[in-house]
PDB file of N, CA and C in Angstrom:
ATOM      1  N   MET A   1      30.545 -48.707  11.891  1.00  0.00           N
ATOM      2  CA  MET A   1      32.050 -49.037  12.597  1.00  0.00           C
ATOM      3  C   MET A   1      31.681 -50.368  13.009  1.00  0.00           C
ATOM      4  N   ALA A   2      33.082 -51.336  12.587  1.00  0.00           N
ATOM      5  CA  ALA A   2      32.806 -52.619  12.836  1.00  0.00           C
ATOM      6  C   ALA A   2      34.355 -53.187  13.987  1.00  0.00           C
ATOM      7  N   HIS A   3      33.875 -53.903  14.969  1.00  0.00           N
ATOM      8  CA  HIS A   3      35.094 -54.406  15.733  1.00  0.00           C
ATOM      9  C   HIS A   3      35.243 -55.698  15.586  1.00  0.00           C
ATOM     10  N   GLY A   4      36.702 -56.319  15.616  1.00  0.00           N
ATOM     11  CA  GLY A   4      36.677 -57.987  15.532  1.00  0.00           C
ATOM     12  C   GLY A   4      36.557 -58.562  14.448  1.00  0.00           C
ATOM     13  N   VAL A   5      36.710 -57.584  13.065  1.00  0.00           N
ATOM     14  CA  VAL A   5      36.594 -58.016  11.810  1.00  0.00           C
ATOM     15  C   VAL A   5      37.675 -58.914  11.571  1.00  0.00           C
ATOM     16  N   THR A   6      37.291 -60.303  11.027  1.00  0.00           N
ATOM     17  CA  THR A   6      38.178 -61.307  11.071  1.00  0.00           C
ATOM     18  C   THR A   6      38.529 -61.363   9.211  1.00  0.00           C
ATOM     19  N   HIS A   7      39.889 -61.849   9.099  1.00  0.00           N
ATOM     20  CA  HIS A   7      40.580 -61.835   8.057  1.00  0.00           C
ATOM     21  C   HIS A   7      39.548 -62.279   6.847  1.00  0.00           C
ATOM     22  N   GLU A   8      38.486 -63.669   6.837  1.00  0.00           N
ATOM     23  CA  GLU A   8      37.395 -64.034   5.971  1.00  0.00           C
ATOM     24  C   GLU A   8      36.053 -62.749   5.904  1.00  0.00           C
ATOM     25  N   MET A   9      36.244 -61.953   6.802  1.00  0.00           N
ATOM     26  CA  MET A   9      35.002 -61.068   6.942  1.00  0.00           C
ATOM     27  C   MET A   9      35.820 -59.857   5.765  1.00  0.00           C
ATOM     28  N   ALA A  10      37.131 -59.906   5.998  1.00  0.00           N
ATOM     29  CA  ALA A  10      37.443 -58.798   5.093  1.00  0.00           C
ATOM     30  C   ALA A  10      37.479 -59.204   3.900  1.00  0.00           C
ATOM     31  N   GLY A  11      37.458 -60.276   3.773  1.00  0.00           N
ATOM     32  CA  GLY A  11      37.930 -60.515   2.178  1.00  0.00           C
ATOM     33  C   GLY A  11      36.174 -60.574   1.780  1.00  0.00           C
ATOM     34  N   ARG A  12      35.400 -60.856   2.349  1.00  0.00           N
ATOM     35  CA  ARG A  12      34.156 -60.901   1.649  1.00  0.00           C
ATOM     36  C   ARG A  12      33.457 -59.470   1.201  1.00  0.00           C
ATOM     37  N   ILE A  13      34.201 -58.665   1.703  1.00  0.00           N
ATOM     38  CA  ILE A  13      33.775 -57.368   1.534  1.00  0.00           C
ATOM     39  C   ILE A  13      35.126 -56.254   0.799  1.00  0.00           C
ATOM     40  N   GLY A  14      35.872 -57.288   0.230  1.00  0.00           N
ATOM     41  CA  GLY A  14      37.222 -56.690  -0.323  1.00  0.00           C
ATOM     42  C   GLY A  14      37.828 -56.070   0.189  1.00  0.00           C
ATOM     43  N   ALA A  15      38.003 -55.811   1.021  1.00  0.00           N
ATOM     44  CA  ALA A  15      39.105 -54.971   1.900  1.00  0.00           C
ATOM     45  C   ALA A  15      40.488 -55.653   2.372  1.00  0.00           C
ATOM     46  N   TRP A  16      41.217 -54.527   1.898  1.00  0.00           N
ATOM     47  CA  TRP A  16      42.777 -54.954   2.282  1.00  0.00           C
ATOM     48  C   TRP A  16      43.067 -55.664   3.729  1.00  0.00           C
ATOM     49  N   TRP A  17      43.641 -56.369   3.884  1.00  0.00           N
ATOM     50  CA  TRP A  17      44.237 -57.032   5.005  1.00  0.00           C
ATOM     51  C   TRP A  17      45.449 -57.070   5.537  1.00  0.00           C
ATOM     52  N   GLU A  18      46.018 -56.208   6.153  1.00  0.00           N
ATOM     53  CA  GLU A  18      47.361 -56.149   6.922  1.00  0.00           C
ATOM     54  C   GLU A  18      48.087 -57.031   7.389  1.00  0.00           C
ATOM     55  N   GLU A  19      48.555 -58.041   6.739  1.00  0.00           N
ATOM     56  CA  GLU A  19      49.084 -59.160   7.222  1.00  0.00           C
ATOM     57  C   GLU A  19      50.383 -59.081   8.394  1.00  0.00           C
ATOM     58  N   ARG A  20      51.120 -57.511   7.902  1.00  0.00           N
ATOM     59  CA  ARG A  20      52.414 -57.658   9.335  1.00  0.00           C
ATOM     60  C   ARG A  20      51.456 -57.238  10.490  1.00  0.00           C
ATOM     61  N   ARG A  21      50.521 -56.299  10.159  1.00  0.00           N
ATOM     62  CA  ARG A  21      49.879 -55.828  12.066  1.00  0.00           C
ATOM     63  C   ARG A  21      48.464 -56.885  11.991  1.00  0.00           C
ATOM     64  N   ASP A  22      48.143 -57.606  10.983  1.00  0.00           N
ATOM     65  CA  ASP A  22      47.242 -58.556  11.523  1.00  0.00           C
ATOM     66  C   ASP A  22      45.922 -57.865  11.758  1.00  0.00           C
ATOM     67  N   HIS A  23      45.376 -56.973  10.761  1.00  0.00           N
ATOM     68  CA  HIS A  23      44.450 -55.851  10.699  1.00  0.00           C
ATOM     69  C   HIS A  23      43.921 -55.721   9.626  1.00  0.00           C
ATOM     70  N   ILE A  24      42.384 -55.250   9.435  1.00  0.00           N
ATOM     71  CA  ILE A  24      41.648 -54.426   8.432  1.00  0.00           C
ATOM     72  C   ILE A  24      41.915 -53.143   8.009  1.00  0.00           C
ATOM     73  N   GLN A  25      42.307 -52.461   6.946  1.00  0.00           N
ATOM     74  CA  GLN A  25      42.580 -51.637   6.495  1.00  0.00           C
ATOM     75  C   GLN A  25      40.888 -50.597   6.500  1.00  0.00           C
ATOM     76  N   PRO A  26      41.246 -49.648   6.360  1.00  0.00           N
ATOM     77  CA  PRO A  26      39.883 -48.723   6.435  1.00  0.00           C
ATOM     78  C   PRO A  26      38.654 -49.404   4.933  1.00  0.00           C
ATOM     79  N   SER A  27      37.548 -49.254   5.066  1.00  0.00           N
ATOM     80  CA  SER A  27      36.943 -49.866   4.395  1.00  0.00           C
ATOM     81  C   SER A  27      35.485 -49.372   4.472  1.00  0.00           C
ATOM     82  N   GLU A  28      34.816 -48.055   3.769  1.00  0.00           N
ATOM     83  CA  GLU A  28      33.722 -47.446   3.940  1.00  0.00           C
ATOM     84  C   GLU A  28      32.819 -47.419   3.229  1.00  0.00           C
ATOM     85  N   PHE A  29      31.065 -47.447   3.530  1.00  0.00           N
ATOM     86  CA  PHE A  29      30.200 -47.743   2.837  1.00  0.00           C
ATOM     87  C   PHE A  29      29.125 -46.754   3.024  1.00  0.00           C
ATOM     88  N   ILE A  30      28.394 -46.311   2.316  1.00  0.00           N
ATOM     89  CA  ILE A  30      27.276 -45.620   2.231  1.00  0.00           C
ATOM     90  C   ILE A  30      25.929 -46.359   1.682  1.00  0.00           C
ATOM     91  N   LEU A  31      25.071 -46.673   2.129  1.00  0.00           N
ATOM     92  CA  LEU A  31      24.095 -47.584   2.303  1.00  0.00           C
ATOM     93  C   LEU A  31      22.732 -47.216   1.864  1.00  0.00           C
ATOM     94  N   THR A  32      21.785 -47.977   1.480  1.00  0.00           N
ATOM     95  CA  THR A  32      20.535 -47.551   1.318  1.00  0.00           C
ATOM     96  C   THR A  32      20.002 -48.060   2.347  1.00  0.00           C
ATOM     97  N   GLN A  33      18.469 -47.673   2.723  1.00  0.00           N
ATOM     98  CA  GLN A  33      17.534 -48.509   4.005  1.00  0.00           C
ATOM     99  C   GLN A  33      17.642 -49.547   3.567  1.00  0.00           C
ATOM    100  N   LYS A  34      17.501 -50.522   2.225  1.00  0.00           N
ATOM    101  CA  LYS A  34      17.778 -51.793   2.076  1.00  0.00           C
ATOM    102  C   LYS A  34      19.180 -52.311   2.084  1.00  0.00           C
ATOM    103  N   GLY A  35      19.991 -51.682   2.216  1.00  0.00           N
ATOM    104  CA  GLY A  35      21.560 -52.549   2.051  1.00  0.00           C
ATOM    105  C   GLY A  35      21.971 -52.248   0.690  1.00  0.00           C
ATOM    106  N   ARG A  36      21.905 -51.551   0.024  1.00  0.00           N
ATOM    107  CA  ARG A  36      22.344 -51.558  -1.282  1.00  0.00           C
ATOM    108  C   ARG A  36      23.418 -50.284  -1.074  1.00  0.00           C
ATOM    109  N   VAL A  37      24.778 -50.910  -1.731  1.00  0.00           N
ATOM    110  CA  VAL A  37      25.782 -50.015  -1.730  1.00  0.00           C
ATOM    111  C   VAL A  37      25.549 -48.991  -2.540  1.00  0.00           C
ATOM    112  N   LEU A  38      25.739 -47.833  -2.178  1.00  0.00           N
ATOM    113  CA  LEU A  38      25.439 -46.619  -3.266  1.00  0.00           C
ATOM    114  C   LEU A  38      26.736 -45.975  -3.310  1.00  0.00           C
ATOM    115  N   ALA A  39      27.865 -46.238  -2.180  1.00  0.00           N
ATOM    116  CA  ALA A  39      29.395 -45.827  -2.140  1.00  0.00           C
ATOM    117  C   ALA A  39      30.374 -46.338  -1.419  1.00  0.00           C
ATOM    118  N   SER A  40      31.602 -46.663  -1.925  1.00  0.00           N
ATOM    119  CA  SER A  40      32.432 -47.269  -1.338  1.00  0.00           C
ATOM    120  C   SER A  40      33.808 -46.584  -1.300  1.00  0.00           C
ATOM    121  N   MET A  41      34.253 -46.485  -0.254  1.00  0.00           N
ATOM    122  CA  MET A  41      35.730 -46.378  -0.263  1.00  0.00           C
ATOM    123  C   MET A  41      36.516 -47.087   0.600  1.00  0.00           C
ATOM    124  N   TYR A  42      37.888 -47.812  -0.187  1.00  0.00           N
ATOM    125  CA  TYR A  42      38.690 -48.929   0.350  1.00  0.00           C
ATOM    126  C   TYR A  42      39.972 -48.178   0.340  1.00  0.00           C
ATOM    127  N   SER A  43      40.933 -48.663   1.497  1.00  0.00           N
ATOM    128  CA  SER A  43      42.113 -47.645   1.610  1.00  0.00           C
ATOM    129  C   SER A  43      43.190 -49.088   1.897  1.00  0.00           C
ATOM    130  N   SER A  44      44.509 -48.851   1.362  1.00  0.00           N
ATOM    131  CA  SER A  44      45.348 -50.025   1.917  1.00  0.00           C
ATOM    132  C   SER A  44      46.517 -49.476   2.460  1.00  0.00           C
ATOM    133  N   SER A  45      45.924 -47.943   3.623  1.00  0.00           N
ATOM    134  CA  SER A  45      46.878 -47.822   4.564  1.00  0.00           C
ATOM    135  C   SER A  45      46.073 -46.554   5.207  1.00  0.00           C
ATOM    136  N   PRO A  46      46.510 -46.081   6.420  1.00  0.00           N
ATOM    137  CA  PRO A  46      46.059 -45.719   7.353  1.00  0.00           C
ATOM    138  C   PRO A  46      45.277 -44.000   6.540  1.00  0.00           C
ATOM    139  N   VAL A  47      45.903 -43.713   5.525  1.00  0.00           N
ATOM    140  CA  VAL A  47      45.395 -42.335   5.018  1.00  0.00           C
ATOM    141  C   VAL A  47      44.116 -43.171   3.787  1.00  0.00           C
ATOM    142  N   GLY A  48      43.104 -41.913   4.025  1.00  0.00           N
ATOM    143  CA  GLY A  48      41.904 -42.666   2.947  1.00  0.00           C
ATOM    144  C   GLY A  48      40.717 -42.970   4.142  1.00  0.00           C
ATOM    145  N   ARG A  49      40.212 -41.506   4.305  1.00  0.00           N
ATOM    146  CA  ARG A  49      38.900 -41.834   4.664  1.00  0.00           C
ATOM    147  C   ARG A  49      37.712 -40.947   4.287  1.00  0.00           C
ATOM    148  N   MET A  50      36.523 -41.047   4.398  1.00  0.00           N
ATOM    149  CA  MET A  50      35.215 -40.418   3.606  1.00  0.00           C
ATOM    150  C   MET A  50      35.248 -39.165   4.309  1.00  0.00           C
ATOM    151  N   ASP A  51      35.259 -38.270   3.590  1.00  0.00           N
ATOM    152  CA  ASP A  51      35.113 -37.281   4.255  1.00  0.00           C
ATOM    153  C   ASP A  51      33.828 -36.602   4.864  1.00  0.00           C
ATOM    154  N   PRO A  52      33.273 -36.263   6.302  1.00  0.00           N
ATOM    155  CA  PRO A  52      31.668 -36.321   6.469  1.00  0.00           C
ATOM    156  C   PRO A  52      30.936 -35.374   5.911  1.00  0.00           C
ATOM    157  N   ASP A  53      31.615 -34.278   5.043  1.00  0.00           N
ATOM    158  CA  ASP A  53      30.712 -32.918   4.738  1.00  0.00           C
ATOM    159  C   ASP A  53      30.455 -33.735   3.074  1.00  0.00           C
ATOM    160  N   GLU A  54      31.850 -34.390   2.497  1.00  0.00           N
ATOM    161  CA  GLU A  54      31.279 -34.651   0.990  1.00  0.00           C
ATOM    162  C   GLU A  54      30.471 -35.871   1.090  1.00  0.00           C
ATOM    163  N   ALA A  55      30.559 -36.675   2.240  1.00  0.00           N
ATOM    164  CA  ALA A  55      29.729 -37.992   2.126  1.00  0.00           C
ATOM    165  C   ALA A  55      27.843 -37.322   2.682  1.00  0.00           C
ATOM    166  N   LEU A  56      27.808 -36.489   3.250  1.00  0.00           N
ATOM    167  CA  LEU A  56      26.396 -35.907   3.219  1.00  0.00           C
ATOM    168  C   LEU A  56      26.178 -35.298   1.968  1.00  0.00           C
ATOM    169  N   ALA A  57      27.190 -34.789   1.059  1.00  0.00           N
ATOM    170  CA  ALA A  57      26.676 -34.194  -0.202  1.00  0.00           C
ATOM    171  C   ALA A  57      26.610 -35.175  -1.023  1.00  0.00           C
ATOM    172  N   LEU A  58      26.995 -36.368  -0.966  1.00  0.00           N
ATOM    173  CA  LEU A  58      26.658 -36.782  -1.968  1.00  0.00           C
ATOM    174  C   LEU A  58      25.182 -37.675  -1.747  1.00  0.00           C
ATOM    175  N   ILE A  59      24.963 -37.900  -0.574  1.00  0.00           N
ATOM    176  CA  ILE A  59      23.857 -38.443   0.006  1.00  0.00           C
ATOM    177  C   ILE A  59      22.719 -37.788  -0.430  1.00  0.00           C
ATOM    178  N   GLU A  60      22.890 -36.348   0.209  1.00  0.00           N
ATOM    179  CA  GLU A  60      21.809 -35.181  -0.587  1.00  0.00           C
ATOM    180  C   GLU A  60      21.429 -35.260  -1.754  1.00  0.00           C
ATOM    181  N   ILE A  61      22.472 -35.058  -2.256  1.00  0.00           N
ATOM    182  CA  ILE A  61      22.449 -35.246  -4.265  1.00  0.00           C
ATOM    183  C   ILE A  61      21.593 -36.505  -4.757  1.00  0.00           C
ATOM    184  N   LEU A  62      22.046 -37.624  -4.430  1.00  0.00           N
ATOM    185  CA  LEU A  62      21.267 -38.756  -4.493  1.00  0.00           C
ATOM    186  C   LEU A  62      19.947 -38.864  -4.298  1.00  0.00           C
ATOM    187  N   ALA A  63      19.623 -38.576  -2.969  1.00  0.00           N
ATOM    188  CA  ALA A  63      18.207 -38.342  -2.069  1.00  0.00           C
ATOM    189  C   ALA A  63      17.274 -37.478  -3.193  1.00  0.00           C
ATOM    190  N   SER A  64      18.262 -36.258  -4.014  1.00  0.00           N
ATOM    191  CA  SER A  64      16.909 -35.240  -4.800  1.00  0.00           C
ATOM    192  C   SER A  64      16.976 -35.868  -5.898  1.00  0.00           C
ATOM    193  N   ARG A  65      17.846 -36.899  -6.697  1.00  0.00           N
ATOM    194  CA  ARG A  65      17.637 -37.519  -7.551  1.00  0.00           C
ATOM    195  C   ARG A  65      16.144 -38.453  -7.293  1.00  0.00           C
ATOM    196  N   SER A  66      16.351 -39.078  -6.315  1.00  0.00           N
ATOM    197  CA  SER A  66      14.958 -40.028  -6.436  1.00  0.00           C
ATOM    198  C   SER A  66      14.039 -39.754  -6.079  1.00  0.00           C
ATOM    199  N   ARG A  67      13.561 -38.190  -5.863  1.00  0.00           N
ATOM    200  CA  ARG A  67      12.481 -37.483  -5.494  1.00  0.00           C
ATOM    201  C   ARG A  67      11.685 -37.316  -6.721  1.00  0.00           C
TER     202      ARG A  67
END
């Protein structure tokens, strides 16, 4: 979770910035312990969020492959 994200920060992660309301649209990431992006989801509206159950299932699948 991030608070106070600036327009410049949003640009660095490739997120959409809503000019009309002057804020970042949802940008979600699943990261490794080393900070590598395993999965990401960007939205250009209030709709579109990672589902917690689906995110957990993905993490479990990826973890099982690395064993």
